[in-house]
Amino acid sequence: MNAARVAIRVVGTAALLALLVVILLGGGQPLGAGTVAPTTRGVTLDGVPFDLASWRGHVVVVNVWATWCPPCLQEMPEFAEAARRWDAKDVRFVGLAADSPLEKIPFVVEKLQIPYPNLPIDGATQRAWNATALPSTFILRKDGTVAWSGRGAIHGHELDDALADIVGGRP
């Protein structure tokens, strides 16, 4: 009887751990290659209306992040540097701040010296991007379809490699 209880506890603990991993890493897959980018509209932190569709004709890096997310904050300086590097290749960047207190978003953007537009998004927009884990990053082709997507912190060299494949060369 003791062995049976131990086995039940082990299986139960493993199931709880698996559930925790799914919750922490997010369920489902990021938007796949070829998927049309979701409608994304809002107002940037500078008060400028933003509509992602107006950026068709440009390669766009979309980074979904949150103020409370350590991996998000860790990768943002590398994204800022990448945005500066890739500007000459006409690559645009936008940050979508999900599930974040509105008063904290400008503080993070200023502190990390993020040069590209950022805007708060609601839960519906986050779900449309299938950004169930943060950070989530998407690279859009000039036609507005997803060329590449990833979950978790992305290092600058990984972003550069993905962009080089899509743009056709490095800055």
N, C-alpha and C. Protein backbone atom coordinates (compact mmCIF):
# COMPACT_ATOMS: atom_id res chain seq x y z
N MET A 1 0.82 -1.19 0.00
CA MET A 1 0.00 0.00 0.00
C MET A 1 0.86 1.26 0.00
N ASN A 2 1.97 1.21 0.69
CA ASN A 2 2.89 2.35 0.75
C ASN A 2 3.44 2.67 -0.64
N ALA A 3 3.81 1.66 -1.40
CA ALA A 3 4.37 1.86 -2.74
C ALA A 3 3.33 2.51 -3.66
N ALA A 4 2.08 2.11 -3.51
CA ALA A 4 1.02 2.69 -4.33
C ALA A 4 0.84 4.18 -4.02
N ARG A 5 0.89 4.55 -2.75
CA ARG A 5 0.76 5.96 -2.37
C ARG A 5 1.93 6.78 -2.92
N VAL A 6 3.11 6.23 -2.82
CA VAL A 6 4.29 6.93 -3.35
C VAL A 6 4.15 7.12 -4.86
N ALA A 7 3.70 6.09 -5.55
CA ALA A 7 3.53 6.18 -7.01
C ALA A 7 2.49 7.24 -7.36
N ILE A 8 1.40 7.29 -6.62
CA ILE A 8 0.36 8.29 -6.87
C ILE A 8 0.91 9.70 -6.63
N ARG A 9 1.67 9.86 -5.58
CA ARG A 9 2.26 11.18 -5.29
C ARG A 9 3.24 11.58 -6.39
N VAL A 10 4.05 10.67 -6.85
CA VAL A 10 5.02 10.97 -7.90
C VAL A 10 4.30 11.37 -9.18
N VAL A 11 3.29 10.61 -9.56
CA VAL A 11 2.53 10.91 -10.78
C VAL A 11 1.80 12.25 -10.62
N GLY A 12 1.20 12.48 -9.47
CA GLY A 12 0.51 13.75 -9.22
C GLY A 12 1.45 14.94 -9.26
N THR A 13 2.62 14.78 -8.67
CA THR A 13 3.61 15.86 -8.69
C THR A 13 4.09 16.13 -10.11
N ALA A 14 4.32 15.09 -10.87
CA ALA A 14 4.76 15.25 -12.27
C ALA A 14 3.68 15.96 -13.09
N ALA A 15 2.43 15.61 -12.87
CA ALA A 15 1.33 16.26 -13.59
C ALA A 15 1.25 17.75 -13.24
N LEU A 16 1.40 18.08 -11.97
CA LEU A 16 1.38 19.48 -11.55
C LEU A 16 2.55 20.26 -12.15
N LEU A 17 3.72 19.65 -12.17
CA LEU A 17 4.88 20.30 -12.78
C LEU A 17 4.66 20.53 -14.27
N ALA A 18 4.09 19.55 -14.95
CA ALA A 18 3.82 19.70 -16.38
C ALA A 18 2.82 20.83 -16.62
N LEU A 19 1.80 20.92 -15.79
CA LEU A 19 0.81 22.00 -15.89
C LEU A 19 1.47 23.35 -15.65
N LEU A 20 2.35 23.43 -14.68
CA LEU A 20 3.07 24.67 -14.39
C LEU A 20 3.93 25.10 -15.57
N VAL A 21 4.59 24.15 -16.22
CA VAL A 21 5.42 24.47 -17.39
C VAL A 21 4.54 25.03 -18.50
N VAL A 22 3.39 24.42 -18.76
CA VAL A 22 2.48 24.90 -19.80
C VAL A 22 2.00 26.30 -19.47
N ILE A 23 1.67 26.57 -18.22
CA ILE A 23 1.22 27.89 -17.82
C ILE A 23 2.32 28.91 -17.99
N LEU A 24 3.52 28.60 -17.56
CA LEU A 24 4.63 29.55 -17.63
C LEU A 24 5.12 29.78 -19.05
N LEU A 25 5.16 28.75 -19.87
CA LEU A 25 5.65 28.89 -21.23
C LEU A 25 4.56 29.24 -22.22
N GLY A 26 3.32 29.13 -21.81
CA GLY A 26 2.22 29.45 -22.70
C GLY A 26 1.82 28.25 -23.53
N GLY A 27 0.55 28.19 -23.84
CA GLY A 27 0.06 27.09 -24.65
C GLY A 27 0.04 27.47 -26.11
N GLY A 28 -0.13 26.51 -26.95
CA GLY A 28 -0.22 26.76 -28.37
C GLY A 28 1.11 27.16 -28.97
N GLN A 29 1.07 27.50 -30.22
CA GLN A 29 2.26 27.88 -30.96
C GLN A 29 2.15 29.35 -31.35
N PRO A 30 3.30 30.01 -31.54
CA PRO A 30 3.24 31.37 -32.05
C PRO A 30 2.67 31.36 -33.47
N LEU A 31 2.30 32.52 -33.96
CA LEU A 31 1.76 32.60 -35.32
C LEU A 31 2.78 32.02 -36.30
N GLY A 32 2.32 31.18 -37.16
CA GLY A 32 3.22 30.50 -38.10
C GLY A 32 3.55 31.34 -39.31
N ALA A 33 4.60 30.95 -40.00
CA ALA A 33 5.03 31.63 -41.22
C ALA A 33 3.88 31.64 -42.22
N GLY A 34 3.69 32.78 -42.85
CA GLY A 34 2.64 32.94 -43.84
C GLY A 34 1.33 33.46 -43.28
N THR A 35 1.18 33.48 -41.95
CA THR A 35 -0.02 34.01 -41.33
C THR A 35 -0.05 35.53 -41.50
N VAL A 36 -1.20 36.06 -41.86
CA VAL A 36 -1.35 37.51 -41.96
C VAL A 36 -1.33 38.09 -40.56
N ALA A 37 -0.54 39.14 -40.37
CA ALA A 37 -0.45 39.78 -39.05
C ALA A 37 -1.81 40.30 -38.62
N PRO A 38 -2.14 40.15 -37.35
CA PRO A 38 -3.42 40.63 -36.86
C PRO A 38 -3.53 42.16 -36.96
N THR A 39 -4.75 42.63 -37.07
CA THR A 39 -5.00 44.07 -37.02
C THR A 39 -4.48 44.58 -35.69
N THR A 40 -3.63 45.58 -35.76
CA THR A 40 -3.03 46.15 -34.54
C THR A 40 -3.07 47.66 -34.65
N ARG A 41 -3.92 48.25 -33.83
CA ARG A 41 -4.08 49.71 -33.82
C ARG A 41 -4.04 50.20 -32.39
N GLY A 42 -3.63 51.43 -32.24
CA GLY A 42 -3.61 52.04 -30.92
C GLY A 42 -2.96 53.40 -30.97
N VAL A 43 -2.53 53.85 -29.82
CA VAL A 43 -1.85 55.13 -29.71
C VAL A 43 -0.51 54.89 -29.05
N THR A 44 0.56 55.39 -29.68
CA THR A 44 1.90 55.20 -29.13
C THR A 44 2.06 56.03 -27.86
N LEU A 45 3.14 55.81 -27.16
CA LEU A 45 3.41 56.56 -25.93
C LEU A 45 3.58 58.05 -26.21
N ASP A 46 3.91 58.39 -27.47
CA ASP A 46 4.04 59.80 -27.87
C ASP A 46 2.70 60.42 -28.26
N GLY A 47 1.62 59.64 -28.16
CA GLY A 47 0.30 60.15 -28.50
C GLY A 47 -0.03 60.10 -29.98
N VAL A 48 0.76 59.37 -30.75
CA VAL A 48 0.57 59.27 -32.20
C VAL A 48 -0.27 58.04 -32.51
N PRO A 49 -1.33 58.20 -33.31
CA PRO A 49 -2.11 57.02 -33.71
C PRO A 49 -1.22 56.04 -34.47
N PHE A 50 -1.42 54.76 -34.20
CA PHE A 50 -0.61 53.71 -34.83
C PHE A 50 -1.53 52.68 -35.47
N ASP A 51 -1.20 52.31 -36.70
CA ASP A 51 -1.90 51.23 -37.40
C ASP A 51 -0.84 50.40 -38.11
N LEU A 52 -0.65 49.18 -37.67
CA LEU A 52 0.39 48.32 -38.24
C LEU A 52 0.23 48.18 -39.75
N ALA A 53 -0.99 48.17 -40.24
CA ALA A 53 -1.23 48.01 -41.68
C ALA A 53 -0.56 49.12 -42.49
N SER A 54 -0.38 50.28 -41.90
CA SER A 54 0.25 51.40 -42.62
C SER A 54 1.74 51.15 -42.85
N TRP A 55 2.30 50.14 -42.20
CA TRP A 55 3.71 49.81 -42.37
C TRP A 55 3.93 48.72 -43.43
N ARG A 56 2.87 48.34 -44.14
CA ARG A 56 3.06 47.40 -45.25
C ARG A 56 4.06 48.01 -46.22
N GLY A 57 4.88 47.19 -46.81
CA GLY A 57 5.95 47.67 -47.67
C GLY A 57 7.27 47.74 -46.93
N HIS A 58 7.25 47.45 -45.63
CA HIS A 58 8.46 47.42 -44.81
C HIS A 58 8.52 46.08 -44.08
N VAL A 59 9.74 45.61 -43.84
CA VAL A 59 9.91 44.49 -42.92
C VAL A 59 9.73 45.07 -41.52
N VAL A 60 8.96 44.37 -40.68
CA VAL A 60 8.62 44.89 -39.35
C VAL A 60 8.92 43.83 -38.29
N VAL A 61 9.57 44.27 -37.23
CA VAL A 61 9.77 43.43 -36.05
C VAL A 61 8.75 43.86 -35.01
N VAL A 62 7.92 42.93 -34.58
CA VAL A 62 6.90 43.18 -33.56
C VAL A 62 7.32 42.44 -32.30
N ASN A 63 7.48 43.18 -31.21
CA ASN A 63 7.89 42.57 -29.95
C ASN A 63 6.78 42.78 -28.91
N VAL A 64 6.17 41.68 -28.47
CA VAL A 64 5.13 41.74 -27.45
C VAL A 64 5.82 41.51 -26.10
N TRP A 65 5.68 42.46 -25.19
CA TRP A 65 6.43 42.44 -23.94
C TRP A 65 5.54 42.96 -22.80
N ALA A 66 6.08 42.90 -21.58
CA ALA A 66 5.37 43.42 -20.41
C ALA A 66 6.37 44.04 -19.45
N THR A 67 5.92 45.01 -18.70
CA THR A 67 6.80 45.71 -17.75
C THR A 67 7.25 44.80 -16.62
N TRP A 68 6.49 43.78 -16.30
CA TRP A 68 6.77 42.89 -15.17
C TRP A 68 7.56 41.64 -15.59
N CYS A 69 7.96 41.57 -16.85
CA CYS A 69 8.56 40.36 -17.43
C CYS A 69 10.08 40.50 -17.51
N PRO A 70 10.84 39.83 -16.61
CA PRO A 70 12.31 39.96 -16.64
C PRO A 70 12.94 39.60 -17.99
N PRO A 71 12.54 38.50 -18.67
CA PRO A 71 13.16 38.23 -19.97
C PRO A 71 12.87 39.33 -21.00
N CYS A 72 11.70 39.94 -20.91
CA CYS A 72 11.36 41.04 -21.82
C CYS A 72 12.33 42.20 -21.62
N LEU A 73 12.50 42.58 -20.36
CA LEU A 73 13.37 43.71 -20.03
C LEU A 73 14.82 43.41 -20.37
N GLN A 74 15.19 42.15 -20.29
CA GLN A 74 16.55 41.74 -20.60
C GLN A 74 16.85 41.87 -22.09
N GLU A 75 15.88 41.53 -22.95
CA GLU A 75 16.14 41.56 -24.39
C GLU A 75 15.94 42.94 -25.00
N MET A 76 15.22 43.82 -24.34
CA MET A 76 14.88 45.11 -24.95
C MET A 76 16.10 45.96 -25.33
N PRO A 77 17.16 46.05 -24.54
CA PRO A 77 18.32 46.82 -25.00
C PRO A 77 18.93 46.26 -26.28
N GLU A 78 18.91 44.93 -26.45
CA GLU A 78 19.42 44.34 -27.68
C GLU A 78 18.52 44.67 -28.87
N PHE A 79 17.21 44.73 -28.62
CA PHE A 79 16.27 45.13 -29.68
C PHE A 79 16.49 46.59 -30.05
N ALA A 80 16.76 47.43 -29.04
CA ALA A 80 17.02 48.85 -29.31
C ALA A 80 18.24 49.00 -30.22
N GLU A 81 19.30 48.26 -29.92
CA GLU A 81 20.51 48.30 -30.75
C GLU A 81 20.21 47.76 -32.15
N ALA A 82 19.45 46.69 -32.22
CA ALA A 82 19.10 46.12 -33.53
C ALA A 82 18.28 47.11 -34.35
N ALA A 83 17.37 47.81 -33.71
CA ALA A 83 16.55 48.81 -34.42
C ALA A 83 17.45 49.89 -35.02
N ARG A 84 18.44 50.31 -34.28
CA ARG A 84 19.37 51.32 -34.80
C ARG A 84 20.19 50.75 -35.96
N ARG A 85 20.65 49.51 -35.83
CA ARG A 85 21.45 48.88 -36.88
C ARG A 85 20.66 48.68 -38.16
N TRP A 86 19.43 48.21 -38.02
CA TRP A 86 18.64 47.80 -39.18
C TRP A 86 17.86 48.96 -39.81
N ASP A 87 17.92 50.13 -39.22
CA ASP A 87 17.22 51.29 -39.78
C ASP A 87 17.67 51.56 -41.22
N ALA A 88 18.95 51.40 -41.50
CA ALA A 88 19.48 51.64 -42.84
C ALA A 88 18.89 50.68 -43.87
N LYS A 89 18.42 49.53 -43.43
CA LYS A 89 17.79 48.54 -44.32
C LYS A 89 16.27 48.71 -44.33
N ASP A 90 15.80 49.81 -43.73
CA ASP A 90 14.36 50.13 -43.71
C ASP A 90 13.53 49.09 -42.96
N VAL A 91 14.12 48.52 -41.92
CA VAL A 91 13.38 47.61 -41.06
C VAL A 91 12.80 48.43 -39.92
N ARG A 92 11.52 48.25 -39.67
CA ARG A 92 10.85 48.99 -38.60
C ARG A 92 10.58 48.07 -37.41
N PHE A 93 10.59 48.67 -36.23
CA PHE A 93 10.33 47.94 -34.99
C PHE A 93 9.15 48.59 -34.29
N VAL A 94 8.35 47.77 -33.61
CA VAL A 94 7.29 48.28 -32.75
C VAL A 94 7.19 47.36 -31.53
N GLY A 95 6.98 47.97 -30.37
CA GLY A 95 6.78 47.23 -29.14
C GLY A 95 5.32 47.29 -28.74
N LEU A 96 4.76 46.14 -28.39
CA LEU A 96 3.38 46.04 -27.93
C LEU A 96 3.41 45.63 -26.46
N ALA A 97 3.08 46.57 -25.57
CA ALA A 97 3.13 46.32 -24.14
C ALA A 97 1.83 45.68 -23.69
N ALA A 98 1.92 44.43 -23.28
CA ALA A 98 0.75 43.64 -22.90
C ALA A 98 0.64 43.56 -21.38
N ASP A 99 -0.59 43.61 -20.90
CA ASP A 99 -0.86 43.34 -19.49
C ASP A 99 0.07 44.11 -18.56
N SER A 100 0.26 45.40 -18.86
CA SER A 100 1.19 46.23 -18.10
C SER A 100 0.49 47.48 -17.58
N PRO A 101 0.84 47.91 -16.36
CA PRO A 101 0.28 49.17 -15.86
C PRO A 101 0.69 50.32 -16.77
N LEU A 102 -0.29 51.10 -17.21
CA LEU A 102 -0.03 52.17 -18.18
C LEU A 102 1.04 53.15 -17.72
N GLU A 103 1.09 53.43 -16.42
CA GLU A 103 2.07 54.40 -15.92
C GLU A 103 3.50 53.86 -15.94
N LYS A 104 3.67 52.54 -16.01
CA LYS A 104 5.02 51.96 -15.99
C LYS A 104 5.64 51.82 -17.38
N ILE A 105 4.82 51.77 -18.41
CA ILE A 105 5.33 51.55 -19.77
C ILE A 105 6.29 52.66 -20.19
N PRO A 106 5.92 53.95 -20.06
CA PRO A 106 6.86 55.00 -20.48
C PRO A 106 8.16 54.99 -19.68
N PHE A 107 8.07 54.65 -18.40
CA PHE A 107 9.26 54.59 -17.56
C PHE A 107 10.25 53.56 -18.10
N VAL A 108 9.76 52.37 -18.45
CA VAL A 108 10.62 51.30 -18.98
C VAL A 108 11.22 51.72 -20.32
N VAL A 109 10.40 52.27 -21.20
CA VAL A 109 10.87 52.67 -22.53
C VAL A 109 11.95 53.74 -22.43
N GLU A 110 11.74 54.71 -21.55
CA GLU A 110 12.74 55.77 -21.36
C GLU A 110 14.01 55.24 -20.72
N LYS A 111 13.85 54.45 -19.67
CA LYS A 111 15.01 53.91 -18.95
C LYS A 111 15.91 53.08 -19.87
N LEU A 112 15.30 52.28 -20.73
CA LEU A 112 16.05 51.39 -21.62
C LEU A 112 16.39 52.06 -22.96
N GLN A 113 15.98 53.31 -23.12
CA GLN A 113 16.27 54.10 -24.33
C GLN A 113 15.82 53.38 -25.61
N ILE A 114 14.57 53.00 -25.62
CA ILE A 114 14.01 52.28 -26.76
C ILE A 114 13.64 53.31 -27.83
N PRO A 115 14.24 53.21 -29.04
CA PRO A 115 14.04 54.24 -30.06
C PRO A 115 12.80 54.06 -30.94
N TYR A 116 12.11 52.97 -30.80
CA TYR A 116 10.99 52.69 -31.68
C TYR A 116 9.66 52.85 -30.94
N PRO A 117 8.56 53.00 -31.70
CA PRO A 117 7.25 53.21 -31.07
C PRO A 117 6.85 52.02 -30.19
N ASN A 118 6.20 52.34 -29.11
CA ASN A 118 5.61 51.35 -28.20
C ASN A 118 4.20 51.78 -27.89
N LEU A 119 3.33 50.81 -27.76
CA LEU A 119 1.96 51.13 -27.40
C LEU A 119 1.38 50.03 -26.53
N PRO A 120 0.52 50.42 -25.61
CA PRO A 120 -0.16 49.40 -24.80
C PRO A 120 -1.19 48.67 -25.66
N ILE A 121 -1.34 47.38 -25.40
CA ILE A 121 -2.37 46.61 -26.11
C ILE A 121 -3.27 45.92 -25.10
N ASP A 122 -4.46 45.61 -25.55
CA ASP A 122 -5.41 44.92 -24.69
C ASP A 122 -5.27 43.40 -24.86
N GLY A 123 -6.00 42.68 -24.04
CA GLY A 123 -5.94 41.22 -24.08
C GLY A 123 -6.36 40.63 -25.41
N ALA A 124 -7.32 41.26 -26.08
CA ALA A 124 -7.78 40.75 -27.38
C ALA A 124 -6.66 40.83 -28.41
N THR A 125 -5.91 41.92 -28.40
CA THR A 125 -4.80 42.06 -29.35
C THR A 125 -3.70 41.06 -29.02
N GLN A 126 -3.41 40.88 -27.74
CA GLN A 126 -2.40 39.90 -27.33
C GLN A 126 -2.81 38.51 -27.79
N ARG A 127 -4.09 38.17 -27.62
CA ARG A 127 -4.57 36.85 -28.06
C ARG A 127 -4.52 36.72 -29.58
N ALA A 128 -4.82 37.81 -30.30
CA ALA A 128 -4.78 37.76 -31.77
C ALA A 128 -3.37 37.42 -32.26
N TRP A 129 -2.36 37.90 -31.53
CA TRP A 129 -0.97 37.58 -31.86
C TRP A 129 -0.57 36.20 -31.31
N ASN A 130 -1.44 35.58 -30.55
CA ASN A 130 -1.16 34.31 -29.88
C ASN A 130 0.11 34.43 -29.02
N ALA A 131 0.23 35.59 -28.38
CA ALA A 131 1.38 35.86 -27.52
C ALA A 131 1.04 35.40 -26.10
N THR A 132 0.91 34.09 -25.95
CA THR A 132 0.54 33.52 -24.65
C THR A 132 1.73 33.42 -23.72
N ALA A 133 2.92 33.59 -24.25
CA ALA A 133 4.13 33.65 -23.44
C ALA A 133 4.86 34.93 -23.81
N LEU A 134 5.46 35.55 -22.83
CA LEU A 134 6.17 36.80 -23.07
C LEU A 134 7.64 36.64 -22.73
N PRO A 135 8.50 37.27 -23.49
CA PRO A 135 8.20 38.02 -24.71
C PRO A 135 7.90 37.09 -25.88
N SER A 136 7.18 37.64 -26.84
CA SER A 136 6.94 36.98 -28.13
C SER A 136 7.36 37.96 -29.21
N THR A 137 8.08 37.45 -30.19
CA THR A 137 8.61 38.32 -31.24
C THR A 137 8.20 37.76 -32.60
N PHE A 138 7.87 38.68 -33.50
CA PHE A 138 7.43 38.32 -34.85
C PHE A 138 8.15 39.21 -35.84
N ILE A 139 8.59 38.64 -36.94
CA ILE A 139 9.13 39.44 -38.03
C ILE A 139 8.16 39.29 -39.19
N LEU A 140 7.71 40.43 -39.70
CA LEU A 140 6.74 40.45 -40.79
C LEU A 140 7.43 40.79 -42.10
N ARG A 141 7.02 40.10 -43.15
CA ARG A 141 7.49 40.43 -44.50
C ARG A 141 6.83 41.75 -44.93
N LYS A 142 7.28 42.26 -46.05
CA LYS A 142 6.74 43.52 -46.55
C LYS A 142 5.24 43.44 -46.86
N ASP A 143 4.75 42.22 -47.12
CA ASP A 143 3.33 42.05 -47.42
C ASP A 143 2.46 41.89 -46.17
N GLY A 144 3.09 42.00 -44.98
CA GLY A 144 2.32 41.93 -43.73
C GLY A 144 2.10 40.52 -43.22
N THR A 145 2.76 39.53 -43.80
CA THR A 145 2.64 38.17 -43.29
C THR A 145 3.83 37.83 -42.41
N VAL A 146 3.61 36.89 -41.51
CA VAL A 146 4.67 36.48 -40.59
C VAL A 146 5.72 35.69 -41.36
N ALA A 147 6.98 36.12 -41.22
CA ALA A 147 8.09 35.40 -41.81
C ALA A 147 8.80 34.54 -40.76
N TRP A 148 8.77 35.02 -39.50
CA TRP A 148 9.49 34.35 -38.41
C TRP A 148 8.82 34.72 -37.11
N SER A 149 8.79 33.79 -36.16
CA SER A 149 8.25 34.11 -34.84
C SER A 149 8.99 33.29 -33.79
N GLY A 150 9.03 33.83 -32.59
CA GLY A 150 9.69 33.14 -31.50
C GLY A 150 9.14 33.56 -30.16
N ARG A 151 9.27 32.67 -29.22
CA ARG A 151 8.86 32.94 -27.84
C ARG A 151 10.07 32.92 -26.94
N GLY A 152 10.01 33.73 -25.91
CA GLY A 152 11.12 33.82 -24.98
C GLY A 152 12.10 34.89 -25.44
N ALA A 153 13.06 35.17 -24.59
CA ALA A 153 14.04 36.22 -24.89
C ALA A 153 14.85 35.85 -26.14
N ILE A 154 15.00 36.82 -27.01
CA ILE A 154 15.76 36.65 -28.24
C ILE A 154 17.04 37.47 -28.11
N HIS A 155 18.17 36.87 -28.40
CA HIS A 155 19.44 37.60 -28.37
C HIS A 155 19.60 38.37 -29.67
N GLY A 156 20.36 39.44 -29.61
CA GLY A 156 20.56 40.29 -30.77
C GLY A 156 21.07 39.54 -31.99
N HIS A 157 22.01 38.61 -31.79
CA HIS A 157 22.54 37.86 -32.94
C HIS A 157 21.48 36.96 -33.56
N GLU A 158 20.56 36.43 -32.75
CA GLU A 158 19.47 35.60 -33.30
C GLU A 158 18.53 36.46 -34.15
N LEU A 159 18.24 37.65 -33.65
CA LEU A 159 17.38 38.57 -34.39
C LEU A 159 18.07 38.99 -35.69
N ASP A 160 19.35 39.30 -35.61
CA ASP A 160 20.12 39.68 -36.81
C ASP A 160 20.11 38.57 -37.85
N ASP A 161 20.30 37.32 -37.40
CA ASP A 161 20.31 36.18 -38.32
C ASP A 161 18.96 36.04 -39.02
N ALA A 162 17.89 36.14 -38.25
CA ALA A 162 16.55 36.01 -38.83
C ALA A 162 16.28 37.15 -39.82
N LEU A 163 16.63 38.37 -39.42
CA LEU A 163 16.42 39.51 -40.31
C LEU A 163 17.25 39.41 -41.58
N ALA A 164 18.49 38.98 -41.44
CA ALA A 164 19.37 38.85 -42.62
C ALA A 164 18.77 37.89 -43.64
N ASP A 165 18.17 36.80 -43.17
CA ASP A 165 17.54 35.84 -44.07
C ASP A 165 16.34 36.46 -44.79
N ILE A 166 15.60 37.29 -44.09
CA ILE A 166 14.38 37.87 -44.64
C ILE A 166 14.69 39.07 -45.54
N VAL A 167 15.59 39.92 -45.09
CA VAL A 167 15.91 41.15 -45.82
C VAL A 167 16.88 40.86 -46.97
N GLY A 168 17.70 39.84 -46.79
CA GLY A 168 18.67 39.51 -47.83
C GLY A 168 20.00 40.23 -47.62
N GLY A 169 20.54 40.09 -46.44
CA GLY A 169 21.83 40.71 -46.13
C GLY A 169 21.78 41.43 -44.80
N ARG A 170 22.93 41.83 -44.38
CA ARG A 170 23.07 42.53 -43.09
C ARG A 170 23.29 44.01 -43.30
N PRO A 171 23.01 44.79 -42.26
CA PRO A 171 23.23 46.24 -42.41
C PRO A 171 24.72 46.58 -42.48
